[in-house]
Every structure is written in C-alpha cells, then in structure tokens.
Amino acid sequence: MTPWRPNYAPDYSEFVDALTPEQAYKLLQKAQLHAATLTPPAWMSCSGELRDAVEAGITDGSEPCRFATRYEVALMAKRATEK
C-alpha cells in the first residue's frame, strides 16, 4: 500500500525500480497507445474548449487523452499566441 492511497493500490515501487530504462520506455509507449484510445471524460466534452482549440487551429483534436510531448505543447502554445 502507499501512504498517500492506503488500501487502494498495491505498491509497485519494487517492480518499477527493477525496470531497465528500455523496459520503462516500452511500458510508457504501451500506456500512451492505450491513452490514445480513451474517450474524453464528459466534463471535457461538454466544455467546448477542445472544439474551440480545433476551430482556432491550435490542435487537430485527435487523441485528446494522449499525453503531449513538450514539442507538441510548444507548437500549440505558439499557434495559440499567433491567433
């Protein structure tokens, strides 16, 4: 158990600490592929902000639950300030 989430999730720290950097990166890639398939939560869909960002040309709106790289975030910020 973790001190910040008692009785909620098992402690995977030993597993994570045993991963090589290559294994950790492969696990991250797998998680990102899964995140890309997720449907946005209702609060995100209802806000209209993603639609507004697509209409403004900031993002294409695809894979809204996927993590963005710093490069992608920098491009979106640049596009947002150019509008």
PDB file of N, CA and C in Angstrom:
ATOM      1  N   MET A   1       0.840  -1.186   0.000  1.00  0.00           N
ATOM      2  CA  MET A   1       0.000   0.000   0.000  1.00  0.00           C
ATOM      3  C   MET A   1       0.885   1.249   0.000  1.00  0.00           C
ATOM      4  N   THR A   2       0.350   2.292  -0.466  1.00  0.00           N
ATOM      5  CA  THR A   2       1.088   3.546  -0.484  1.00  0.00           C
ATOM      6  C   THR A   2       0.563   4.458   0.611  1.00  0.00           C
ATOM      7  N   PRO A   3       1.400   5.306   1.183  1.00  0.00           N
ATOM      8  CA  PRO A   3       0.928   6.175   2.267  1.00  0.00           C
ATOM      9  C   PRO A   3      -0.105   7.199   1.801  1.00  0.00           C
ATOM     10  N   TRP A   4      -0.051   7.590   0.545  1.00  0.00           N
ATOM     11  CA  TRP A   4      -0.993   8.592   0.056  1.00  0.00           C
ATOM     12  C   TRP A   4      -2.273   7.975  -0.472  1.00  0.00           C
ATOM     13  N   ARG A   5      -2.316   6.659  -0.628  1.00  0.00           N
ATOM     14  CA  ARG A   5      -3.529   5.959  -1.075  1.00  0.00           C
ATOM     15  C   ARG A   5      -3.677   4.643  -0.314  1.00  0.00           C
ATOM     16  N   PRO A   6      -3.824   4.691   0.987  1.00  0.00           N
ATOM     17  CA  PRO A   6      -3.910   3.444   1.744  1.00  0.00           C
ATOM     18  C   PRO A   6      -5.110   2.620   1.303  1.00  0.00           C
ATOM     19  N   ASN A   7      -4.916   1.306   1.255  1.00  0.00           N
ATOM     20  CA  ASN A   7      -5.971   0.356   0.898  1.00  0.00           C
ATOM     21  C   ASN A   7      -6.540   0.576  -0.499  1.00  0.00           C
ATOM     22  N   TYR A   8      -5.808   1.233  -1.358  1.00  0.00           N
ATOM     23  CA  TYR A   8      -6.323   1.494  -2.701  1.00  0.00           C
ATOM     24  C   TYR A   8      -5.539   0.730  -3.761  1.00  0.00           C
ATOM     25  N   ALA A   9      -4.259   0.941  -3.810  1.00  0.00           N
ATOM     26  CA  ALA A   9      -3.459   0.329  -4.861  1.00  0.00           C
ATOM     27  C   ALA A   9      -2.239  -0.355  -4.261  1.00  0.00           C
ATOM     28  N   PRO A  10      -1.829  -1.456  -4.862  1.00  0.00           N
ATOM     29  CA  PRO A  10      -0.619  -2.117  -4.366  1.00  0.00           C
ATOM     30  C   PRO A  10       0.602  -1.257  -4.639  1.00  0.00           C
ATOM     31  N   ASP A  11       1.647  -1.512  -3.913  1.00  0.00           N
ATOM     32  CA  ASP A  11       2.894  -0.769  -4.072  1.00  0.00           C
ATOM     33  C   ASP A  11       3.724  -1.438  -5.165  1.00  0.00           C
ATOM     34  N   TYR A  12       3.894  -0.762  -6.274  1.00  0.00           N
ATOM     35  CA  TYR A  12       4.655  -1.300  -7.394  1.00  0.00           C
ATOM     36  C   TYR A  12       6.083  -0.761  -7.430  1.00  0.00           C
ATOM     37  N   SER A  13       6.523  -0.107  -6.376  1.00  0.00           N
ATOM     38  CA  SER A  13       7.831   0.546  -6.424  1.00  0.00           C
ATOM     39  C   SER A  13       8.964  -0.438  -6.688  1.00  0.00           C
ATOM     40  N   GLU A  14       8.906  -1.638  -6.114  1.00  0.00           N
ATOM     41  CA  GLU A  14       9.968  -2.611  -6.377  1.00  0.00           C
ATOM     42  C   GLU A  14       9.977  -3.026  -7.841  1.00  0.00           C
ATOM     43  N   PHE A  15       8.800  -3.206  -8.412  1.00  0.00           N
ATOM     44  CA  PHE A  15       8.700  -3.554  -9.830  1.00  0.00           C
ATOM     45  C   PHE A  15       9.258  -2.430 -10.697  1.00  0.00           C
ATOM     46  N   VAL A  16       8.853  -1.220 -10.409  1.00  0.00           N
ATOM     47  CA  VAL A  16       9.279  -0.068 -11.205  1.00  0.00           C
ATOM     48  C   VAL A  16      10.781   0.146 -11.064  1.00  0.00           C
ATOM     49  N   ASP A  17      11.295   0.009  -9.850  1.00  0.00           N
ATOM     50  CA  ASP A  17      12.733   0.191  -9.638  1.00  0.00           C
ATOM     51  C   ASP A  17      13.563  -0.853 -10.368  1.00  0.00           C
ATOM     52  N   ALA A  18      12.989  -2.040 -10.609  1.00  0.00           N
ATOM     53  CA  ALA A  18      13.717  -3.119 -11.274  1.00  0.00           C
ATOM     54  C   ALA A  18      13.724  -2.984 -12.790  1.00  0.00           C
ATOM     55  N   LEU A  19      12.913  -2.108 -13.353  1.00  0.00           N
ATOM     56  CA  LEU A  19      12.858  -1.942 -14.803  1.00  0.00           C
ATOM     57  C   LEU A  19      14.134  -1.300 -15.327  1.00  0.00           C
ATOM     58  N   THR A  20      14.589  -1.789 -16.466  1.00  0.00           N
ATOM     59  CA  THR A  20      15.679  -1.112 -17.147  1.00  0.00           C
ATOM     60  C   THR A  20      15.088   0.110 -17.845  1.00  0.00           C
ATOM     61  N   PRO A  21      15.892   1.077 -18.223  1.00  0.00           N
ATOM     62  CA  PRO A  21      15.353   2.215 -18.968  1.00  0.00           C
ATOM     63  C   PRO A  21      14.617   1.787 -20.238  1.00  0.00           C
ATOM     64  N   GLU A  22      15.108   0.771 -20.908  1.00  0.00           N
ATOM     65  CA  GLU A  22      14.459   0.289 -22.122  1.00  0.00           C
ATOM     66  C   GLU A  22      13.084  -0.303 -21.811  1.00  0.00           C
ATOM     67  N   GLN A  23      12.983  -1.066 -20.730  1.00  0.00           N
ATOM     68  CA  GLN A  23      11.700  -1.647 -20.328  1.00  0.00           C
ATOM     69  C   GLN A  23      10.718  -0.560 -19.905  1.00  0.00           C
ATOM     70  N   ALA A  24      11.229   0.428 -19.180  1.00  0.00           N
ATOM     71  CA  ALA A  24      10.371   1.525 -18.731  1.00  0.00           C
ATOM     72  C   ALA A  24       9.830   2.299 -19.933  1.00  0.00           C
ATOM     73  N   TYR A  25      10.668   2.537 -20.937  1.00  0.00           N
ATOM     74  CA  TYR A  25      10.231   3.257 -22.125  1.00  0.00           C
ATOM     75  C   TYR A  25       9.192   2.453 -22.896  1.00  0.00           C
ATOM     76  N   LYS A  26       9.385   1.133 -22.979  1.00  0.00           N
ATOM     77  CA  LYS A  26       8.419   0.277 -23.666  1.00  0.00           C
ATOM     78  C   LYS A  26       7.079   0.303 -22.930  1.00  0.00           C
ATOM     79  N   LEU A  27       7.105   0.299 -21.602  1.00  0.00           N
ATOM     80  CA  LEU A  27       5.882   0.386 -20.809  1.00  0.00           C
ATOM     81  C   LEU A  27       5.196   1.734 -21.036  1.00  0.00           C
ATOM     82  N   LEU A  28       5.967   2.804 -21.099  1.00  0.00           N
ATOM     83  CA  LEU A  28       5.414   4.129 -21.371  1.00  0.00           C
ATOM     84  C   LEU A  28       4.747   4.162 -22.742  1.00  0.00           C
ATOM     85  N   GLN A  29       5.399   3.595 -23.745  1.00  0.00           N
ATOM     86  CA  GLN A  29       4.820   3.562 -25.089  1.00  0.00           C
ATOM     87  C   GLN A  29       3.496   2.804 -25.092  1.00  0.00           C
ATOM     88  N   LYS A  30       3.443   1.690 -24.372  1.00  0.00           N
ATOM     89  CA  LYS A  30       2.218   0.906 -24.296  1.00  0.00           C
ATOM     90  C   LYS A  30       1.111   1.713 -23.621  1.00  0.00           C
ATOM     91  N   ALA A  31       1.444   2.429 -22.555  1.00  0.00           N
ATOM     92  CA  ALA A  31       0.455   3.262 -21.863  1.00  0.00           C
ATOM     93  C   ALA A  31      -0.033   4.386 -22.767  1.00  0.00           C
ATOM     94  N   GLN A  32       0.856   4.981 -23.546  1.00  0.00           N
ATOM     95  CA  GLN A  32       0.459   6.056 -24.453  1.00  0.00           C
ATOM     96  C   GLN A  32      -0.463   5.542 -25.556  1.00  0.00           C
ATOM     97  N   LEU A  33      -0.197   4.346 -26.054  1.00  0.00           N
ATOM     98  CA  LEU A  33      -1.081   3.764 -27.064  1.00  0.00           C
ATOM     99  C   LEU A  33      -2.471   3.533 -26.483  1.00  0.00           C
ATOM    100  N   HIS A  34      -2.523   3.092 -25.242  1.00  0.00           N
ATOM    101  CA  HIS A  34      -3.821   2.895 -24.587  1.00  0.00           C
ATOM    102  C   HIS A  34      -4.521   4.239 -24.374  1.00  0.00           C
ATOM    103  N   ALA A  35      -3.789   5.240 -23.887  1.00  0.00           N
ATOM    104  CA  ALA A  35      -4.383   6.558 -23.631  1.00  0.00           C
ATOM    105  C   ALA A  35      -4.964   7.157 -24.904  1.00  0.00           C
ATOM    106  N   ALA A  36      -4.345   6.878 -26.031  1.00  0.00           N
ATOM    107  CA  ALA A  36      -4.819   7.424 -27.306  1.00  0.00           C
ATOM    108  C   ALA A  36      -6.174   6.857 -27.706  1.00  0.00           C
ATOM    109  N   THR A  37      -6.561   5.718 -27.130  1.00  0.00           N
ATOM    110  CA  THR A  37      -7.840   5.100 -27.485  1.00  0.00           C
ATOM    111  C   THR A  37      -8.974   5.521 -26.546  1.00  0.00           C
ATOM    112  N   LEU A  38      -8.647   6.226 -25.474  1.00  0.00           N
ATOM    113  CA  LEU A  38      -9.658   6.577 -24.478  1.00  0.00           C
ATOM    114  C   LEU A  38     -10.604   7.661 -24.985  1.00  0.00           C
ATOM    115  N   THR A  39     -11.828   7.573 -24.548  1.00  0.00           N
ATOM    116  CA  THR A  39     -12.824   8.585 -24.847  1.00  0.00           C
ATOM    117  C   THR A  39     -12.684   9.698 -23.817  1.00  0.00           C
ATOM    118  N   PRO A  40     -12.732  10.943 -24.233  1.00  0.00           N
ATOM    119  CA  PRO A  40     -12.610  12.031 -23.261  1.00  0.00           C
ATOM    120  C   PRO A  40     -13.736  11.958 -22.222  1.00  0.00           C
ATOM    121  N   PRO A  41     -13.442  12.337 -20.981  1.00  0.00           N
ATOM    122  CA  PRO A  41     -14.497  12.351 -19.972  1.00  0.00           C
ATOM    123  C   PRO A  41     -15.566  13.376 -20.330  1.00  0.00           C
ATOM    124  N   ALA A  42     -16.741  13.185 -19.777  1.00  0.00           N
ATOM    125  CA  ALA A  42     -17.882  14.055 -20.105  1.00  0.00           C
ATOM    126  C   ALA A  42     -17.573  15.516 -19.849  1.00  0.00           C
ATOM    127  N   TRP A  43     -16.887  15.814 -18.750  1.00  0.00           N
ATOM    128  CA  TRP A  43     -16.616  17.226 -18.442  1.00  0.00           C
ATOM    129  C   TRP A  43     -15.755  17.863 -19.527  1.00  0.00           C
ATOM    130  N   MET A  44     -14.896  17.074 -20.166  1.00  0.00           N
ATOM    131  CA  MET A  44     -14.046  17.611 -21.221  1.00  0.00           C
ATOM    132  C   MET A  44     -14.864  17.829 -22.496  1.00  0.00           C
ATOM    133  N   SER A  45     -15.743  16.912 -22.790  1.00  0.00           N
ATOM    134  CA  SER A  45     -16.559  17.016 -23.994  1.00  0.00           C
ATOM    135  C   SER A  45     -17.558  18.149 -23.901  1.00  0.00           C
ATOM    136  N   CYS A  46     -18.067  18.394 -22.702  1.00  0.00           N
ATOM    137  CA  CYS A  46     -19.106  19.412 -22.514  1.00  0.00           C
ATOM    138  C   CYS A  46     -18.554  20.833 -22.521  1.00  0.00           C
ATOM    139  N   SER A  47     -17.284  20.988 -22.226  1.00  0.00           N
ATOM    140  CA  SER A  47     -16.743  22.332 -22.065  1.00  0.00           C
ATOM    141  C   SER A  47     -16.637  23.088 -23.384  1.00  0.00           C
ATOM    142  N   GLY A  48     -16.457  22.361 -24.467  1.00  0.00           N
ATOM    143  CA  GLY A  48     -16.325  23.016 -25.761  1.00  0.00           C
ATOM    144  C   GLY A  48     -14.936  23.575 -26.014  1.00  0.00           C
ATOM    145  N   GLU A  49     -14.053  23.482 -25.031  1.00  0.00           N
ATOM    146  CA  GLU A  49     -12.712  24.051 -25.202  1.00  0.00           C
ATOM    147  C   GLU A  49     -11.903  23.314 -26.257  1.00  0.00           C
ATOM    148  N   LEU A  50     -12.051  21.989 -26.325  1.00  0.00           N
ATOM    149  CA  LEU A  50     -11.330  21.249 -27.359  1.00  0.00           C
ATOM    150  C   LEU A  50     -11.840  21.652 -28.730  1.00  0.00           C
ATOM    151  N   ARG A  51     -13.147  21.751 -28.879  1.00  0.00           N
ATOM    152  CA  ARG A  51     -13.735  22.185 -30.156  1.00  0.00           C
ATOM    153  C   ARG A  51     -13.206  23.571 -30.514  1.00  0.00           C
ATOM    154  N   ASP A  52     -13.158  24.474 -29.539  1.00  0.00           N
ATOM    155  CA  ASP A  52     -12.646  25.824 -29.783  1.00  0.00           C
ATOM    156  C   ASP A  52     -11.188  25.787 -30.234  1.00  0.00           C
ATOM    157  N   ALA A  53     -10.381  24.912 -29.606  1.00  0.00           N
ATOM    158  CA  ALA A  53      -8.970  24.806 -29.966  1.00  0.00           C
ATOM    159  C   ALA A  53      -8.813  24.256 -31.381  1.00  0.00           C
ATOM    160  N   VAL A  54      -9.672  23.318 -31.761  1.00  0.00           N
ATOM    161  CA  VAL A  54      -9.630  22.775 -33.132  1.00  0.00           C
ATOM    162  C   VAL A  54     -10.002  23.868 -34.125  1.00  0.00           C
ATOM    163  N   GLU A  55     -11.077  24.596 -33.836  1.00  0.00           N
ATOM    164  CA  GLU A  55     -11.520  25.666 -34.737  1.00  0.00           C
ATOM    165  C   GLU A  55     -10.479  26.769 -34.865  1.00  0.00           C
ATOM    166  N   ALA A  56      -9.694  26.988 -33.806  1.00  0.00           N
ATOM    167  CA  ALA A  56      -8.652  28.019 -33.838  1.00  0.00           C
ATOM    168  C   ALA A  56      -7.366  27.521 -34.489  1.00  0.00           C
ATOM    169  N   GLY A  57      -7.325  26.224 -34.844  1.00  0.00           N
ATOM    170  CA  GLY A  57      -6.134  25.681 -35.487  1.00  0.00           C
ATOM    171  C   GLY A  57      -5.010  25.350 -34.531  1.00  0.00           C
ATOM    172  N   ILE A  58      -5.308  25.297 -33.239  1.00  0.00           N
ATOM    173  CA  ILE A  58      -4.278  25.009 -32.245  1.00  0.00           C
ATOM    174  C   ILE A  58      -3.952  23.524 -32.228  1.00  0.00           C
ATOM    175  N   THR A  59      -4.950  22.688 -32.397  1.00  0.00           N
ATOM    176  CA  THR A  59      -4.785  21.234 -32.405  1.00  0.00           C
ATOM    177  C   THR A  59      -5.751  20.642 -33.409  1.00  0.00           C
ATOM    178  N   ASP A  60      -5.492  19.390 -33.792  1.00  0.00           N
ATOM    179  CA  ASP A  60      -6.436  18.733 -34.703  1.00  0.00           C
ATOM    180  C   ASP A  60      -7.531  18.002 -33.929  1.00  0.00           C
ATOM    181  N   GLY A  61      -7.403  17.937 -32.614  1.00  0.00           N
ATOM    182  CA  GLY A  61      -8.426  17.331 -31.778  1.00  0.00           C
ATOM    183  C   GLY A  61      -8.370  15.825 -31.672  1.00  0.00           C
ATOM    184  N   SER A  62      -7.470  15.198 -32.400  1.00  0.00           N
ATOM    185  CA  SER A  62      -7.385  13.741 -32.329  1.00  0.00           C
ATOM    186  C   SER A  62      -6.673  13.314 -31.050  1.00  0.00           C
ATOM    187  N   GLU A  63      -7.042  12.178 -30.559  1.00  0.00           N
ATOM    188  CA  GLU A  63      -6.420  11.576 -29.382  1.00  0.00           C
ATOM    189  C   GLU A  63      -6.326  12.554 -28.209  1.00  0.00           C
ATOM    190  N   PRO A  64      -7.447  13.115 -27.766  1.00  0.00           N
ATOM    191  CA  PRO A  64      -7.387  14.137 -26.721  1.00  0.00           C
ATOM    192  C   PRO A  64      -6.937  13.636 -25.352  1.00  0.00           C
ATOM    193  N   CYS A  65      -6.908  12.333 -25.141  1.00  0.00           N
ATOM    194  CA  CYS A  65      -6.475  11.801 -23.846  1.00  0.00           C
ATOM    195  C   CYS A  65      -5.019  11.350 -23.858  1.00  0.00           C
ATOM    196  N   ARG A  66      -4.354  11.477 -25.007  1.00  0.00           N
ATOM    197  CA  ARG A  66      -2.949  11.085 -25.109  1.00  0.00           C
ATOM    198  C   ARG A  66      -2.066  12.173 -24.516  1.00  0.00           C
ATOM    199  N   PHE A  67      -0.973  11.751 -23.909  1.00  0.00           N
ATOM    200  CA  PHE A  67      -0.007  12.721 -23.405  1.00  0.00           C
ATOM    201  C   PHE A  67       0.596  13.487 -24.584  1.00  0.00           C
ATOM    202  N   ALA A  68       0.879  14.751 -24.381  1.00  0.00           N
ATOM    203  CA  ALA A  68       1.536  15.558 -25.407  1.00  0.00           C
ATOM    204  C   ALA A  68       2.999  15.732 -25.016  1.00  0.00           C
ATOM    205  N   THR A  69       3.864  15.688 -26.006  1.00  0.00           N
ATOM    206  CA  THR A  69       5.276  15.948 -25.745  1.00  0.00           C
ATOM    207  C   THR A  69       5.486  17.455 -25.554  1.00  0.00           C
ATOM    208  N   ARG A  70       6.609  17.814 -24.992  1.00  0.00           N
ATOM    209  CA  ARG A  70       6.895  19.245 -24.826  1.00  0.00           C
ATOM    210  C   ARG A  70       6.953  19.941 -26.182  1.00  0.00           C
ATOM    211  N   TYR A  71       7.429  19.235 -27.197  1.00  0.00           N
ATOM    212  CA  TYR A  71       7.471  19.799 -28.542  1.00  0.00           C
ATOM    213  C   TYR A  71       6.064  20.114 -29.034  1.00  0.00           C
ATOM    214  N   GLU A  72       5.146  19.161 -28.846  1.00  0.00           N
ATOM    215  CA  GLU A  72       3.766  19.380 -29.274  1.00  0.00           C
ATOM    216  C   GLU A  72       3.119  20.527 -28.501  1.00  0.00           C
ATOM    217  N   VAL A  73       3.387  20.583 -27.209  1.00  0.00           N
ATOM    218  CA  VAL A  73       2.829  21.662 -26.386  1.00  0.00           C
ATOM    219  C   VAL A  73       3.390  23.012 -26.829  1.00  0.00           C
ATOM    220  N   ALA A  74       4.674  23.060 -27.144  1.00  0.00           N
ATOM    221  CA  ALA A  74       5.276  24.303 -27.612  1.00  0.00           C
ATOM    222  C   ALA A  74       4.635  24.774 -28.913  1.00  0.00           C
ATOM    223  N   LEU A  75       4.372  23.838 -29.826  1.00  0.00           N
ATOM    224  CA  LEU A  75       3.727  24.201 -31.084  1.00  0.00           C
ATOM    225  C   LEU A  75       2.304  24.715 -30.845  1.00  0.00           C
ATOM    226  N   MET A  76       1.573  24.060 -29.955  1.00  0.00           N
ATOM    227  CA  MET A  76       0.205  24.507 -29.665  1.00  0.00           C
ATOM    228  C   MET A  76       0.211  25.883 -29.019  1.00  0.00           C
ATOM    229  N   ALA A  77       1.148  26.117 -28.107  1.00  0.00           N
ATOM    230  CA  ALA A  77       1.230  27.435 -27.470  1.00  0.00           C
ATOM    231  C   ALA A  77       1.569  28.510 -28.492  1.00  0.00           C
ATOM    232  N   LYS A  78       2.470  28.199 -29.413  1.00  0.00           N
ATOM    233  CA  LYS A  78       2.822  29.151 -30.462  1.00  0.00           C
ATOM    234  C   LYS A  78       1.622  29.457 -31.330  1.00  0.00           C
ATOM    235  N   ARG A  79       0.888  28.408 -31.714  1.00  0.00           N
ATOM    236  CA  ARG A  79      -0.313  28.631 -32.543  1.00  0.00           C
ATOM    237  C   ARG A  79      -1.355  29.457 -31.804  1.00  0.00           C
ATOM    238  N   ALA A  80      -1.490  29.218 -30.506  1.00  0.00           N
ATOM    239  CA  ALA A  80      -2.487  29.952 -29.721  1.00  0.00           C
ATOM    240  C   ALA A  80      -2.141  31.430 -29.624  1.00  0.00           C
ATOM    241  N   THR A  81      -0.853  31.741 -29.543  1.00  0.00           N
ATOM    242  CA  THR A  81      -0.472  33.153 -29.416  1.00  0.00           C
ATOM    243  C   THR A  81      -0.482  33.867 -30.749  1.00  0.00           C
ATOM    244  N   GLU A  82      -0.456  33.123 -31.852  1.00  0.00           N
ATOM    245  CA  GLU A  82      -0.485  33.742 -33.184  1.00  0.00           C
ATOM    246  C   GLU A  82      -1.897  34.125 -33.611  1.00  0.00           C
ATOM    247  N   LYS A  83      -2.897  33.598 -32.932  1.00  0.00           N
ATOM    248  CA  LYS A  83      -4.291  33.842 -33.338  1.00  0.00           C
ATOM    249  C   LYS A  83      -4.781  35.160 -32.795  1.00  0.00           C
TER     250      LYS A  83
END
